C-alpha atoms as a PDB file:
ATOM      1  CA  UNK A   1      89.392   2.438 146.740  1.00  0.00           C
ATOM      2  CA  UNK A   2      86.326   0.890 148.305  1.00  0.00           C
ATOM      3  CA  UNK A   3      83.920   1.724 151.142  1.00  0.00           C
ATOM      4  CA  UNK A   4      85.151   1.968 154.545  1.00  0.00           C
ATOM      5  CA  UNK A   5      83.226   4.336 157.280  1.00  0.00           C
ATOM      6  CA  UNK A   6      86.576   5.805 157.773  1.00  0.00           C
ATOM      7  CA  UNK A   7      86.476   6.886 154.349  1.00  0.00           C
ATOM      8  CA  UNK A   8      83.252   8.728 155.136  1.00  0.00           C
ATOM      9  CA  UNK A   9      84.170  10.228 158.090  1.00  0.00           C
ATOM     10  CA  UNK A  10      87.568  11.274 156.199  1.00  0.00           C
ATOM     11  CA  UNK A  11      85.535  13.275 153.667  1.00  0.00           C
ATOM     12  CA  UNK A  12      83.053  14.561 155.835  1.00  0.00           C
ATOM     13  CA  UNK A  13      85.730  16.364 157.543  1.00  0.00           C
ATOM     14  CA  UNK A  14      87.433  17.567 154.308  1.00  0.00           C
ATOM     15  CA  UNK A  15      83.974  19.009 153.248  1.00  0.00           C
ATOM     16  CA  UNK A  16      83.293  20.664 156.575  1.00  0.00           C
ATOM     17  CA  UNK A  17      80.574  18.309 157.694  1.00  0.00           C
ATOM     18  CA  UNK A  18      80.404  17.573 161.179  1.00  0.00           C
ATOM     19  CA  UNK A  19      80.661  13.589 162.039  1.00  0.00           C
ATOM     20  CA  UNK A  20      81.231  11.398 165.120  1.00  0.00           C
ATOM     21  CA  UNK A  21      84.225   9.378 165.196  1.00  0.00           C
ATOM     22  CA  UNK A  22      82.632   6.309 166.575  1.00  0.00           C
ATOM     23  CA  UNK A  23      78.501   5.211 166.046  1.00  0.00           C
ATOM     24  CA  UNK A  24      76.582   4.593 162.609  1.00  0.00           C
ATOM     25  CA  UNK A  25      77.024   6.743 159.883  1.00  0.00           C
ATOM     26  CA  UNK A  26      73.663   8.717 158.555  1.00  0.00           C
ATOM     27  CA  UNK A  27      71.771   7.357 155.826  1.00  0.00           C
ATOM     28  CA  UNK A  28      72.330  10.894 154.553  1.00  0.00           C
ATOM     29  CA  UNK A  29      75.886  11.367 154.703  1.00  0.00           C
ATOM     30  CA  UNK A  30      76.599   8.064 153.230  1.00  0.00           C
ATOM     31  CA  UNK A  31      74.262   8.628 150.125  1.00  0.00           C
ATOM     32  CA  UNK A  32      76.019  12.155 149.667  1.00  0.00           C
ATOM     33  CA  UNK A  33      79.215  10.535 149.947  1.00  0.00           C
ATOM     34  CA  UNK A  34      78.250   7.964 147.413  1.00  0.00           C
ATOM     35  CA  UNK A  35      77.389  10.704 145.217  1.00  0.00           C
ATOM     36  CA  UNK A  36      80.366  12.265 145.380  1.00  0.00           C
ATOM     37  CA  UNK A  37      82.456   9.469 145.208  1.00  0.00           C
ATOM     38  CA  UNK A  38      81.004   7.544 141.800  1.00  0.00           C
ATOM     39  CA  UNK A  39      84.057   4.988 141.977  1.00  0.00           C
ATOM     40  CA  UNK A  40      83.506   3.605 145.277  1.00  0.00           C
ATOM     41  CA  UNK A  41      79.591   3.546 144.211  1.00  0.00           C
ATOM     42  CA  UNK A  42      80.076   1.337 141.242  1.00  0.00           C
ATOM     43  CA  UNK A  43      82.375  -0.774 143.071  1.00  0.00           C
ATOM     44  CA  UNK A  44      79.601  -1.570 146.166  1.00  0.00           C
ATOM     45  CA  UNK A  45      77.043  -1.784 143.489  1.00  0.00           C
ATOM     46  CA  UNK A  46      78.986  -4.533 141.677  1.00  0.00           C
ATOM     47  CA  UNK A  47      79.588  -6.407 145.418  1.00  0.00           C
ATOM     48  CA  UNK A  48      76.002  -6.036 146.010  1.00  0.00           C
ATOM     49  CA  UNK A  49      74.513  -7.029 143.061  1.00  0.00           C
ATOM     50  CA  UNK A  50      73.454  -3.604 142.126  1.00  0.00           C
ATOM     51  CA  UNK A  51      72.942  -2.142 138.683  1.00  0.00           C
ATOM     52  CA  UNK A  52      75.463   1.087 138.104  1.00  0.00           C
ATOM     53  CA  UNK A  53      76.589   2.845 135.275  1.00  0.00           C
ATOM     54  CA  UNK A  54      80.164   1.797 133.873  1.00  0.00           C
ATOM     55  CA  UNK A  55      81.107   5.573 134.142  1.00  0.00           C
ATOM     56  CA  UNK A  56      80.226   8.546 134.653  1.00  0.00           C
ATOM     57  CA  UNK A  57      77.646  10.110 137.397  1.00  0.00           C
ATOM     58  CA  UNK A  58      75.859   7.429 139.711  1.00  0.00           C
ATOM     59  CA  UNK A  59      72.508   8.267 140.320  1.00  0.00           C
ATOM     60  CA  UNK A  60      70.593   9.491 143.552  1.00  0.00           C
ATOM     61  CA  UNK A  61      68.333   6.262 143.598  1.00  0.00           C
ATOM     62  CA  UNK A  62      71.234   3.763 142.995  1.00  0.00           C
ATOM     63  CA  UNK A  63      73.497   5.665 146.080  1.00  0.00           C
ATOM     64  CA  UNK A  64      70.503   5.613 148.313  1.00  0.00           C
ATOM     65  CA  UNK A  65      70.204   2.472 147.537  1.00  0.00           C
ATOM     66  CA  UNK A  66      73.648   1.776 148.577  1.00  0.00           C
ATOM     67  CA  UNK A  67      73.625   3.379 151.628  1.00  0.00           C
ATOM     68  CA  UNK A  68      70.968   1.383 153.121  1.00  0.00           C
ATOM     69  CA  UNK A  69      72.948  -1.721 152.024  1.00  0.00           C
ATOM     70  CA  UNK A  70      75.760  -0.629 153.752  1.00  0.00           C
ATOM     71  CA  UNK A  71      74.780   1.079 156.723  1.00  0.00           C
END
């Protein structure tokens, strides 16, 4: 699994968060997606040269940085 906006939309719908089917995703929503999906955050971090732990939780600061990069 890697980052795709459609995955964020599906995830948001699963947790009951309202999200439009088109348009730009909010920074907060993308950050929350990365925090909830550390495996995706690690992959995106590796693609962008951002340091992330090999396992366990990914820090909020890293998730925020990644959200800025992919938006």
